[in-house]
PDB file of N, CA and C in Angstrom:
ATOM      1  N   MET A   1      32.095 -31.234 -40.280  1.00  0.00           N
ATOM      2  CA  MET A   1      31.285 -30.035 -40.251  1.00  0.00           C
ATOM      3  C   MET A   1      29.880 -30.336 -40.762  1.00  0.00           C
ATOM      4  N   VAL A   2      28.905 -29.754 -40.141  1.00  0.00           N
ATOM      5  CA  VAL A   2      27.509 -29.972 -40.492  1.00  0.00           C
ATOM      6  C   VAL A   2      27.161 -29.135 -41.724  1.00  0.00           C
ATOM      7  N   ASP A   3      26.553 -29.762 -42.723  1.00  0.00           N
ATOM      8  CA  ASP A   3      26.079 -29.040 -43.908  1.00  0.00           C
ATOM      9  C   ASP A   3      24.781 -28.335 -43.527  1.00  0.00           C
ATOM     10  N   GLN A   4      24.890 -27.041 -43.231  1.00  0.00           N
ATOM     11  CA  GLN A   4      23.748 -26.297 -42.701  1.00  0.00           C
ATOM     12  C   GLN A   4      22.645 -26.091 -43.735  1.00  0.00           C
ATOM     13  N   VAL A   5      22.987 -26.010 -45.006  1.00  0.00           N
ATOM     14  CA  VAL A   5      21.967 -25.856 -46.043  1.00  0.00           C
ATOM     15  C   VAL A   5      21.102 -27.114 -46.104  1.00  0.00           C
ATOM     16  N   LYS A   6      21.775 -28.258 -46.116  1.00  0.00           N
ATOM     17  CA  LYS A   6      21.047 -29.535 -46.147  1.00  0.00           C
ATOM     18  C   LYS A   6      20.247 -29.717 -44.860  1.00  0.00           C
ATOM     19  N   LEU A   7      20.871 -29.394 -43.734  1.00  0.00           N
ATOM     20  CA  LEU A   7      20.196 -29.531 -42.451  1.00  0.00           C
ATOM     21  C   LEU A   7      18.967 -28.630 -42.379  1.00  0.00           C
ATOM     22  N   LYS A   8      19.086 -27.406 -42.843  1.00  0.00           N
ATOM     23  CA  LYS A   8      17.945 -26.485 -42.813  1.00  0.00           C
ATOM     24  C   LYS A   8      16.791 -27.047 -43.642  1.00  0.00           C
ATOM     25  N   ALA A   9      17.089 -27.595 -44.809  1.00  0.00           N
ATOM     26  CA  ALA A   9      16.048 -28.198 -45.647  1.00  0.00           C
ATOM     27  C   ALA A   9      15.375 -29.369 -44.925  1.00  0.00           C
ATOM     28  N   GLU A  10      16.191 -30.198 -44.270  1.00  0.00           N
ATOM     29  CA  GLU A  10      15.636 -31.331 -43.516  1.00  0.00           C
ATOM     30  C   GLU A  10      14.778 -30.840 -42.348  1.00  0.00           C
ATOM     31  N   LEU A  11      15.242 -29.799 -41.664  1.00  0.00           N
ATOM     32  CA  LEU A  11      14.482 -29.256 -40.536  1.00  0.00           C
ATOM     33  C   LEU A  11      13.175 -28.615 -41.011  1.00  0.00           C
ATOM     34  N   GLU A  12      13.197 -27.968 -42.167  1.00  0.00           N
ATOM     35  CA  GLU A  12      11.973 -27.372 -42.699  1.00  0.00           C
ATOM     36  C   GLU A  12      10.955 -28.447 -43.070  1.00  0.00           C
ATOM     37  N   THR A  13      11.438 -29.574 -43.591  1.00  0.00           N
ATOM     38  CA  THR A  13      10.549 -30.706 -43.884  1.00  0.00           C
ATOM     39  C   THR A  13       9.963 -31.251 -42.581  1.00  0.00           C
ATOM     40  N   LYS A  14      10.815 -31.417 -41.586  1.00  0.00           N
ATOM     41  CA  LYS A  14      10.373 -31.893 -40.273  1.00  0.00           C
ATOM     42  C   LYS A  14       9.367 -30.917 -39.670  1.00  0.00           C
ATOM     43  N   LEU A  15       9.609 -29.619 -39.812  1.00  0.00           N
ATOM     44  CA  LEU A  15       8.713 -28.595 -39.294  1.00  0.00           C
ATOM     45  C   LEU A  15       7.327 -28.731 -39.919  1.00  0.00           C
ATOM     46  N   ALA A  16       7.271 -28.918 -41.213  1.00  0.00           N
ATOM     47  CA  ALA A  16       5.983 -29.081 -41.895  1.00  0.00           C
ATOM     48  C   ALA A  16       5.251 -30.325 -41.386  1.00  0.00           C
ATOM     49  N   GLU A  17       5.988 -31.416 -41.189  1.00  0.00           N
ATOM     50  CA  GLU A  17       5.381 -32.645 -40.664  1.00  0.00           C
ATOM     51  C   GLU A  17       4.822 -32.421 -39.258  1.00  0.00           C
ATOM     52  N   LEU A  18       5.592 -31.737 -38.422  1.00  0.00           N
ATOM     53  CA  LEU A  18       5.157 -31.479 -37.048  1.00  0.00           C
ATOM     54  C   LEU A  18       3.953 -30.555 -37.019  1.00  0.00           C
ATOM     55  N   GLN A  19       3.930 -29.548 -37.894  1.00  0.00           N
ATOM     56  CA  GLN A  19       2.790 -28.634 -37.948  1.00  0.00           C
ATOM     57  C   GLN A  19       1.528 -29.383 -38.357  1.00  0.00           C
ATOM     58  N   THR A  20       1.655 -30.318 -39.298  1.00  0.00           N
ATOM     59  CA  THR A  20       0.515 -31.139 -39.711  1.00  0.00           C
ATOM     60  C   THR A  20       0.042 -32.011 -38.553  1.00  0.00           C
ATOM     61  N   ARG A  21       0.993 -32.604 -37.827  1.00  0.00           N
ATOM     62  CA  ARG A  21       0.639 -33.461 -36.695  1.00  0.00           C
ATOM     63  C   ARG A  21      -0.081 -32.663 -35.605  1.00  0.00           C
ATOM     64  N   VAL A  22       0.434 -31.479 -35.289  1.00  0.00           N
ATOM     65  CA  VAL A  22      -0.210 -30.633 -34.274  1.00  0.00           C
ATOM     66  C   VAL A  22      -1.611 -30.251 -34.726  1.00  0.00           C
ATOM     67  N   SER A  23      -1.760 -29.905 -35.990  1.00  0.00           N
ATOM     68  CA  SER A  23      -3.068 -29.539 -36.529  1.00  0.00           C
ATOM     69  C   SER A  23      -4.044 -30.717 -36.445  1.00  0.00           C
ATOM     70  N   ASN A  24      -3.568 -31.915 -36.779  1.00  0.00           N
ATOM     71  CA  ASN A  24      -4.431 -33.103 -36.704  1.00  0.00           C
ATOM     72  C   ASN A  24      -4.872 -33.380 -35.265  1.00  0.00           C
ATOM     73  N   VAL A  25      -3.945 -33.242 -34.332  1.00  0.00           N
ATOM     74  CA  VAL A  25      -4.287 -33.454 -32.920  1.00  0.00           C
ATOM     75  C   VAL A  25      -5.303 -32.408 -32.475  1.00  0.00           C
ATOM     76  N   ASP A  26      -5.064 -31.147 -32.831  1.00  0.00           N
ATOM     77  CA  ASP A  26      -5.992 -30.074 -32.458  1.00  0.00           C
ATOM     78  C   ASP A  26      -7.384 -30.324 -33.036  1.00  0.00           C
ATOM     79  N   ASN A  27      -7.429 -30.758 -34.302  1.00  0.00           N
ATOM     80  CA  ASN A  27      -8.723 -31.038 -34.928  1.00  0.00           C
ATOM     81  C   ASN A  27      -9.445 -32.178 -34.210  1.00  0.00           C
ATOM     82  N   ARG A  28      -8.694 -33.205 -33.872  1.00  0.00           N
ATOM     83  CA  ARG A  28      -9.299 -34.349 -33.176  1.00  0.00           C
ATOM     84  C   ARG A  28      -9.818 -33.947 -31.798  1.00  0.00           C
ATOM     85  N   LEU A  29      -9.040 -33.134 -31.097  1.00  0.00           N
ATOM     86  CA  LEU A  29      -9.442 -32.723 -29.749  1.00  0.00           C
ATOM     87  C   LEU A  29     -10.617 -31.763 -29.770  1.00  0.00           C
ATOM     88  N   SER A  30     -10.812 -31.053 -30.857  1.00  0.00           N
ATOM     89  CA  SER A  30     -11.918 -30.092 -30.915  1.00  0.00           C
ATOM     90  C   SER A  30     -13.195 -30.700 -31.489  1.00  0.00           C
ATOM     91  N   SER A  31     -13.140 -31.978 -31.899  1.00  0.00           N
ATOM     92  CA  SER A  31     -14.346 -32.608 -32.442  1.00  0.00           C
ATOM     93  C   SER A  31     -15.355 -32.859 -31.326  1.00  0.00           C
ATOM     94  N   PRO A  32     -16.642 -32.783 -31.662  1.00  0.00           N
ATOM     95  CA  PRO A  32     -17.667 -32.979 -30.632  1.00  0.00           C
ATOM     96  C   PRO A  32     -17.653 -34.401 -30.080  1.00  0.00           C
ATOM     97  N   GLY A  33     -18.109 -34.550 -28.862  1.00  0.00           N
ATOM     98  CA  GLY A  33     -18.158 -35.853 -28.203  1.00  0.00           C
ATOM     99  C   GLY A  33     -19.253 -36.743 -28.759  1.00  0.00           C
ATOM    100  N   GLU A  34     -19.249 -37.969 -28.285  1.00  0.00           N
ATOM    101  CA  GLU A  34     -20.248 -38.957 -28.679  1.00  0.00           C
ATOM    102  C   GLU A  34     -21.505 -38.791 -27.818  1.00  0.00           C
ATOM    103  N   ALA A  35     -22.632 -39.239 -28.327  1.00  0.00           N
ATOM    104  CA  ALA A  35     -23.883 -39.174 -27.569  1.00  0.00           C
ATOM    105  C   ALA A  35     -23.893 -40.223 -26.456  1.00  0.00           C
ATOM    106  N   ASP A  36     -23.238 -41.333 -26.690  1.00  0.00           N
ATOM    107  CA  ASP A  36     -23.185 -42.426 -25.726  1.00  0.00           C
ATOM    108  C   ASP A  36     -22.144 -42.090 -24.656  1.00  0.00           C
ATOM    109  N   TRP A  37     -22.544 -42.122 -23.365  1.00  0.00           N
ATOM    110  CA  TRP A  37     -21.632 -41.731 -22.282  1.00  0.00           C
ATOM    111  C   TRP A  37     -20.450 -42.677 -22.158  1.00  0.00           C
ATOM    112  N   GLU A  38     -20.649 -43.977 -22.452  1.00  0.00           N
ATOM    113  CA  GLU A  38     -19.533 -44.920 -22.402  1.00  0.00           C
ATOM    114  C   GLU A  38     -18.505 -44.596 -23.489  1.00  0.00           C
ATOM    115  N   GLU A  39     -19.009 -44.278 -24.672  1.00  0.00           N
ATOM    116  CA  GLU A  39     -18.119 -43.887 -25.763  1.00  0.00           C
ATOM    117  C   GLU A  39     -17.391 -42.597 -25.412  1.00  0.00           C
ATOM    118  N   ASN A  40     -18.084 -41.684 -24.733  1.00  0.00           N
ATOM    119  CA  ASN A  40     -17.466 -40.427 -24.312  1.00  0.00           C
ATOM    120  C   ASN A  40     -16.341 -40.679 -23.308  1.00  0.00           C
ATOM    121  N   ALA A  41     -16.518 -41.622 -22.406  1.00  0.00           N
ATOM    122  CA  ALA A  41     -15.489 -41.935 -21.413  1.00  0.00           C
ATOM    123  C   ALA A  41     -14.235 -42.459 -22.105  1.00  0.00           C
ATOM    124  N   ILE A  42     -14.417 -43.328 -23.079  1.00  0.00           N
ATOM    125  CA  ILE A  42     -13.291 -43.863 -23.838  1.00  0.00           C
ATOM    126  C   ILE A  42     -12.630 -42.744 -24.640  1.00  0.00           C
ATOM    127  N   ALA A  43     -13.440 -41.915 -25.263  1.00  0.00           N
ATOM    128  CA  ALA A  43     -12.900 -40.805 -26.053  1.00  0.00           C
ATOM    129  C   ALA A  43     -12.125 -39.837 -25.168  1.00  0.00           C
ATOM    130  N   LYS A  44     -12.603 -39.621 -23.931  1.00  0.00           N
ATOM    131  CA  LYS A  44     -11.902 -38.713 -23.013  1.00  0.00           C
ATOM    132  C   LYS A  44     -10.518 -39.257 -22.678  1.00  0.00           C
ATOM    133  N   GLU A  45     -10.415 -40.569 -22.456  1.00  0.00           N
ATOM    134  CA  GLU A  45      -9.112 -41.180 -22.206  1.00  0.00           C
ATOM    135  C   GLU A  45      -8.204 -41.018 -23.420  1.00  0.00           C
ATOM    136  N   ASP A  46      -8.772 -41.238 -24.607  1.00  0.00           N
ATOM    137  CA  ASP A  46      -7.999 -41.067 -25.839  1.00  0.00           C
ATOM    138  C   ASP A  46      -7.537 -39.611 -25.979  1.00  0.00           C
ATOM    139  N   ASP A  47      -8.414 -38.683 -25.609  1.00  0.00           N
ATOM    140  CA  ASP A  47      -8.078 -37.264 -25.704  1.00  0.00           C
ATOM    141  C   ASP A  47      -6.927 -36.896 -24.787  1.00  0.00           C
ATOM    142  N   GLU A  48      -6.857 -37.516 -23.614  1.00  0.00           N
ATOM    143  CA  GLU A  48      -5.747 -37.244 -22.703  1.00  0.00           C
ATOM    144  C   GLU A  48      -4.417 -37.671 -23.320  1.00  0.00           C
ATOM    145  N   VAL A  49      -4.429 -38.827 -23.975  1.00  0.00           N
ATOM    146  CA  VAL A  49      -3.224 -39.315 -24.659  1.00  0.00           C
ATOM    147  C   VAL A  49      -2.893 -38.384 -25.831  1.00  0.00           C
ATOM    148  N   LEU A  50      -3.901 -38.015 -26.593  1.00  0.00           N
ATOM    149  CA  LEU A  50      -3.684 -37.102 -27.713  1.00  0.00           C
ATOM    150  C   LEU A  50      -3.130 -35.767 -27.244  1.00  0.00           C
ATOM    151  N   ASN A  51      -3.619 -35.289 -26.127  1.00  0.00           N
ATOM    152  CA  ASN A  51      -3.142 -34.022 -25.574  1.00  0.00           C
ATOM    153  C   ASN A  51      -1.653 -34.114 -25.234  1.00  0.00           C
ATOM    154  N   GLN A  52      -1.244 -35.232 -24.638  1.00  0.00           N
ATOM    155  CA  GLN A  52       0.171 -35.431 -24.319  1.00  0.00           C
ATOM    156  C   GLN A  52       1.008 -35.509 -25.597  1.00  0.00           C
ATOM    157  N   ILE A  53       0.499 -36.198 -26.595  1.00  0.00           N
ATOM    158  CA  ILE A  53       1.194 -36.281 -27.882  1.00  0.00           C
ATOM    159  C   ILE A  53       1.301 -34.893 -28.502  1.00  0.00           C
ATOM    160  N   GLY A  54       0.213 -34.138 -28.433  1.00  0.00           N
ATOM    161  CA  GLY A  54       0.214 -32.782 -28.974  1.00  0.00           C
ATOM    162  C   GLY A  54       1.225 -31.895 -28.271  1.00  0.00           C
ATOM    163  N   ASN A  55       1.311 -31.998 -26.950  1.00  0.00           N
ATOM    164  CA  ASN A  55       2.274 -31.190 -26.187  1.00  0.00           C
ATOM    165  C   ASN A  55       3.715 -31.559 -26.554  1.00  0.00           C
ATOM    166  N   ALA A  56       3.999 -32.854 -26.656  1.00  0.00           N
ATOM    167  CA  ALA A  56       5.346 -33.301 -27.019  1.00  0.00           C
ATOM    168  C   ALA A  56       5.690 -32.852 -28.441  1.00  0.00           C
ATOM    169  N   THR A  57       4.720 -32.939 -29.322  1.00  0.00           N
ATOM    170  CA  THR A  57       4.934 -32.514 -30.707  1.00  0.00           C
ATOM    171  C   THR A  57       5.189 -31.015 -30.769  1.00  0.00           C
ATOM    172  N   GLN A  58       4.442 -30.239 -29.983  1.00  0.00           N
ATOM    173  CA  GLN A  58       4.636 -28.790 -29.963  1.00  0.00           C
ATOM    174  C   GLN A  58       6.031 -28.434 -29.440  1.00  0.00           C
ATOM    175  N   GLU A  59       6.500 -29.155 -28.435  1.00  0.00           N
ATOM    176  CA  GLU A  59       7.851 -28.917 -27.913  1.00  0.00           C
ATOM    177  C   GLU A  59       8.898 -29.194 -28.996  1.00  0.00           C
ATOM    178  N   GLU A  60       8.736 -30.302 -29.703  1.00  0.00           N
ATOM    179  CA  GLU A  60       9.679 -30.635 -30.770  1.00  0.00           C
ATOM    180  C   GLU A  60       9.613 -29.597 -31.890  1.00  0.00           C
ATOM    181  N   LEU A  61       8.402 -29.156 -32.219  1.00  0.00           N
ATOM    182  CA  LEU A  61       8.222 -28.122 -33.231  1.00  0.00           C
ATOM    183  C   LEU A  61       8.964 -26.842 -32.836  1.00  0.00           C
ATOM    184  N   ASN A  62       8.859 -26.455 -31.571  1.00  0.00           N
ATOM    185  CA  ASN A  62       9.564 -25.263 -31.083  1.00  0.00           C
ATOM    186  C   ASN A  62      11.075 -25.425 -31.207  1.00  0.00           C
ATOM    187  N   GLU A  63      11.583 -26.623 -30.894  1.00  0.00           N
ATOM    188  CA  GLU A  63      13.025 -26.886 -31.005  1.00  0.00           C
ATOM    189  C   GLU A  63      13.490 -26.783 -32.454  1.00  0.00           C
ATOM    190  N   VAL A  64      12.689 -27.314 -33.372  1.00  0.00           N
ATOM    191  CA  VAL A  64      13.038 -27.266 -34.792  1.00  0.00           C
ATOM    192  C   VAL A  64      13.030 -25.813 -35.276  1.00  0.00           C
ATOM    193  N   GLN A  65      12.004 -25.052 -34.871  1.00  0.00           N
ATOM    194  CA  GLN A  65      11.950 -23.643 -35.258  1.00  0.00           C
ATOM    195  C   GLN A  65      13.169 -22.881 -34.735  1.00  0.00           C
ATOM    196  N   LEU A  66      13.568 -23.165 -33.515  1.00  0.00           N
ATOM    197  CA  LEU A  66      14.742 -22.512 -32.937  1.00  0.00           C
ATOM    198  C   LEU A  66      16.004 -22.874 -33.709  1.00  0.00           C
ATOM    199  N   ALA A  67      16.133 -24.138 -34.076  1.00  0.00           N
ATOM    200  CA  ALA A  67      17.308 -24.565 -34.840  1.00  0.00           C
ATOM    201  C   ALA A  67      17.352 -23.848 -36.190  1.00  0.00           C
ATOM    202  N   ILE A  68      16.222 -23.746 -36.855  1.00  0.00           N
ATOM    203  CA  ILE A  68      16.163 -23.033 -38.138  1.00  0.00           C
ATOM    204  C   ILE A  68      16.554 -21.566 -37.931  1.00  0.00           C
ATOM    205  N   HIS A  69      16.035 -20.951 -36.891  1.00  0.00           N
ATOM    206  CA  HIS A  69      16.367 -19.554 -36.592  1.00  0.00           C
ATOM    207  C   HIS A  69      17.870 -19.400 -36.327  1.00  0.00           C
ATOM    208  N   ARG A  70      18.453 -20.344 -35.590  1.00  0.00           N
ATOM    209  CA  ARG A  70      19.879 -20.274 -35.280  1.00  0.00           C
ATOM    210  C   ARG A  70      20.724 -20.445 -36.549  1.00  0.00           C
ATOM    211  N   ILE A  71      20.271 -21.287 -37.475  1.00  0.00           N
ATOM    212  CA  ILE A  71      20.968 -21.426 -38.759  1.00  0.00           C
ATOM    213  C   ILE A  71      20.912 -20.096 -39.508  1.00  0.00           C
ATOM    214  N   GLU A  72      19.707 -19.521 -39.596  1.00  0.00           N
ATOM    215  CA  GLU A  72      19.523 -18.269 -40.331  1.00  0.00           C
ATOM    216  C   GLU A  72      20.302 -17.111 -39.718  1.00  0.00           C
ATOM    217  N   SER A  73      20.468 -17.117 -38.409  1.00  0.00           N
ATOM    218  CA  SER A  73      21.161 -16.014 -37.742  1.00  0.00           C
ATOM    219  C   SER A  73      22.669 -16.251 -37.603  1.00  0.00           C
ATOM    220  N   GLY A  74      23.136 -17.419 -38.086  1.00  0.00           N
ATOM    221  CA  GLY A  74      24.560 -17.714 -38.022  1.00  0.00           C
ATOM    222  C   GLY A  74      25.030 -18.195 -36.660  1.00  0.00           C
ATOM    223  N   LYS A  75      24.096 -18.557 -35.788  1.00  0.00           N
ATOM    224  CA  LYS A  75      24.465 -18.993 -34.443  1.00  0.00           C
ATOM    225  C   LYS A  75      24.328 -20.499 -34.242  1.00  0.00           C
ATOM    226  N   TYR A  76      23.988 -21.215 -35.303  1.00  0.00           N
ATOM    227  CA  TYR A  76      23.813 -22.658 -35.185  1.00  0.00           C
ATOM    228  C   TYR A  76      25.152 -23.314 -34.869  1.00  0.00           C
ATOM    229  N   GLY A  77      25.130 -24.229 -33.926  1.00  0.00           N
ATOM    230  CA  GLY A  77      26.333 -24.972 -33.571  1.00  0.00           C
ATOM    231  C   GLY A  77      27.188 -24.286 -32.526  1.00  0.00           C
ATOM    232  N   VAL A  78      26.704 -23.156 -32.008  1.00  0.00           N
ATOM    233  CA  VAL A  78      27.421 -22.431 -30.966  1.00  0.00           C
ATOM    234  C   VAL A  78      26.647 -22.591 -29.659  1.00  0.00           C
ATOM    235  N   CYS A  79      27.323 -23.015 -28.615  1.00  0.00           N
ATOM    236  CA  CYS A  79      26.699 -23.236 -27.312  1.00  0.00           C
ATOM    237  C   CYS A  79      26.133 -21.919 -26.779  1.00  0.00           C
ATOM    238  N   THR A  80      24.885 -21.946 -26.344  1.00  0.00           N
ATOM    239  CA  THR A  80      24.255 -20.736 -25.818  1.00  0.00           C
ATOM    240  C   THR A  80      24.778 -20.370 -24.434  1.00  0.00           C
ATOM    241  N   THR A  81      25.462 -21.286 -23.770  1.00  0.00           N
ATOM    242  CA  THR A  81      25.986 -21.024 -22.431  1.00  0.00           C
ATOM    243  C   THR A  81      27.431 -20.533 -22.471  1.00  0.00           C
ATOM    244  N   CYS A  82      28.308 -21.340 -23.068  1.00  0.00           N
ATOM    245  CA  CYS A  82      29.744 -20.998 -23.046  1.00  0.00           C
ATOM    246  C   CYS A  82      30.227 -20.372 -24.354  1.00  0.00           C
ATOM    247  N   GLU A  83      29.388 -20.393 -25.376  1.00  0.00           N
ATOM    248  CA  GLU A  83      29.668 -19.817 -26.695  1.00  0.00           C
ATOM    249  C   GLU A  83      30.791 -20.527 -27.452  1.00  0.00           C
ATOM    250  N   LYS A  84      31.110 -21.773 -27.059  1.00  0.00           N
ATOM    251  CA  LYS A  84      32.060 -22.593 -27.808  1.00  0.00           C
ATOM    252  C   LYS A  84      31.273 -23.411 -28.834  1.00  0.00           C
ATOM    253  N   GLN A  85      31.999 -23.962 -29.794  1.00  0.00           N
ATOM    254  CA  GLN A  85      31.366 -24.781 -30.816  1.00  0.00           C
ATOM    255  C   GLN A  85      30.810 -26.078 -30.208  1.00  0.00           C
ATOM    256  N   ILE A  86      29.624 -26.451 -30.637  1.00  0.00           N
ATOM    257  CA  ILE A  86      29.036 -27.745 -30.268  1.00  0.00           C
ATOM    258  C   ILE A  86      29.628 -28.767 -31.233  1.00  0.00           C
ATOM    259  N   SER A  87      30.027 -29.906 -30.714  1.00  0.00           N
ATOM    260  CA  SER A  87      30.679 -30.910 -31.565  1.00  0.00           C
ATOM    261  C   SER A  87      29.742 -31.373 -32.684  1.00  0.00           C
ATOM    262  N   PRO A  88      30.317 -31.618 -33.867  1.00  0.00           N
ATOM    263  CA  PRO A  88      29.503 -32.114 -34.978  1.00  0.00           C
ATOM    264  C   PRO A  88      28.786 -33.428 -34.641  1.00  0.00           C
ATOM    265  N   GLU A  89      29.429 -34.266 -33.814  1.00  0.00           N
ATOM    266  CA  GLU A  89      28.805 -35.536 -33.422  1.00  0.00           C
ATOM    267  C   GLU A  89      27.520 -35.282 -32.616  1.00  0.00           C
ATOM    268  N   ARG A  90      27.588 -34.299 -31.726  1.00  0.00           N
ATOM    269  CA  ARG A  90      26.401 -33.960 -30.926  1.00  0.00           C
ATOM    270  C   ARG A  90      25.296 -33.404 -31.828  1.00  0.00           C
ATOM    271  N   LEU A  91      25.661 -32.539 -32.752  1.00  0.00           N
ATOM    272  CA  LEU A  91      24.667 -31.964 -33.660  1.00  0.00           C
ATOM    273  C   LEU A  91      24.090 -33.027 -34.588  1.00  0.00           C
ATOM    274  N   GLU A  92      24.908 -33.996 -34.940  1.00  0.00           N
ATOM    275  CA  GLU A  92      24.421 -35.099 -35.771  1.00  0.00           C
ATOM    276  C   GLU A  92      23.355 -35.900 -35.010  1.00  0.00           C
ATOM    277  N   ALA A  93      23.633 -36.153 -33.741  1.00  0.00           N
ATOM    278  CA  ALA A  93      22.702 -36.932 -32.915  1.00  0.00           C
ATOM    279  C   ALA A  93      21.487 -36.106 -32.489  1.00  0.00           C
ATOM    280  N   LEU A  94      21.692 -34.829 -32.250  1.00  0.00           N
ATOM    281  CA  LEU A  94      20.630 -33.954 -31.741  1.00  0.00           C
ATOM    282  C   LEU A  94      20.702 -32.618 -32.492  1.00  0.00           C
ATOM    283  N   PRO A  95      20.104 -32.563 -33.686  1.00  0.00           N
ATOM    284  CA  PRO A  95      20.258 -31.369 -34.531  1.00  0.00           C
ATOM    285  C   PRO A  95      19.784 -30.061 -33.895  1.00  0.00           C
ATOM    286  N   PHE A  96      18.928 -30.144 -32.883  1.00  0.00           N
ATOM    287  CA  PHE A  96      18.474 -28.892 -32.266  1.00  0.00           C
ATOM    288  C   PHE A  96      19.164 -28.611 -30.945  1.00  0.00           C
ATOM    289  N   ALA A  97      20.321 -29.221 -30.731  1.00  0.00           N
ATOM    290  CA  ALA A  97      21.086 -28.957 -29.504  1.00  0.00           C
ATOM    291  C   ALA A  97      21.498 -27.494 -29.467  1.00  0.00           C
ATOM    292  N   THR A  98      21.328 -26.870 -28.302  1.00  0.00           N
ATOM    293  CA  THR A  98      21.733 -25.474 -28.138  1.00  0.00           C
ATOM    294  C   THR A  98      22.902 -25.347 -27.166  1.00  0.00           C
ATOM    295  N   ASN A  99      23.283 -26.464 -26.555  1.00  0.00           N
ATOM    296  CA  ASN A  99      24.408 -26.472 -25.619  1.00  0.00           C
ATOM    297  C   ASN A  99      25.392 -27.562 -25.993  1.00  0.00           C
ATOM    298  N   CYS A 100      26.665 -27.286 -25.711  1.00  0.00           N
ATOM    299  CA  CYS A 100      27.685 -28.316 -25.906  1.00  0.00           C
ATOM    300  C   CYS A 100      27.448 -29.402 -24.839  1.00  0.00           C
ATOM    301  N   ILE A 101      28.095 -30.515 -25.008  1.00  0.00           N
ATOM    302  CA  ILE A 101      27.890 -31.637 -24.080  1.00  0.00           C
ATOM    303  C   ILE A 101      28.292 -31.277 -22.658  1.00  0.00           C
ATOM    304  N   HIS A 102      29.335 -30.488 -22.518  1.00  0.00           N
ATOM    305  CA  HIS A 102      29.806 -30.091 -21.182  1.00  0.00           C
ATOM    306  C   HIS A 102      28.749 -29.232 -20.466  1.00  0.00           C
ATOM    307  N   CYS A 103      28.223 -28.239 -21.157  1.00  0.00           N
ATOM    308  CA  CYS A 103      27.209 -27.352 -20.534  1.00  0.00           C
ATOM    309  C   CYS A 103      25.883 -28.091 -20.325  1.00  0.00           C
ATOM    310  N   ALA A 104      25.547 -28.990 -21.241  1.00  0.00           N
ATOM    311  CA  ALA A 104      24.307 -29.749 -21.107  1.00  0.00           C
ATOM    312  C   ALA A 104      24.357 -30.671 -19.895  1.00  0.00           C
ATOM    313  N   ALA A 105      25.548 -31.207 -19.592  1.00  0.00           N
ATOM    314  CA  ALA A 105      25.708 -32.127 -18.465  1.00  0.00           C
ATOM    315  C   ALA A 105      25.778 -31.374 -17.142  1.00  0.00           C
ATOM    316  N   GLY A 106      26.200 -30.113 -17.183  1.00  0.00           N
ATOM    317  CA  GLY A 106      26.434 -29.368 -15.947  1.00  0.00           C
ATOM    318  C   GLY A 106      25.262 -28.660 -15.466  1.00  0.00           C
TER     319      GLY A 106
END
């Protein structure tokens, strides 16, 4: 069985880290460009990578927030599709899983 109190604390720590990462990416992307056009071209390429990192981080942040909400509402570990218990092994590997392995595969 998953220790939900411990897991919630770990997820809240992860949430804070992700929020900091998203904020850092946003700050970097909103900084003014360079005066040199060559430097601007390089910075634009870097910004595209940062944007992708920011999007992936935001998705993970949303998953963590959902997992915390599901813990708080007593629905953590219950498949959102079939409403059966998600195996502890699956939750161990993927703490923000919302579907059991059967529903996730189907």
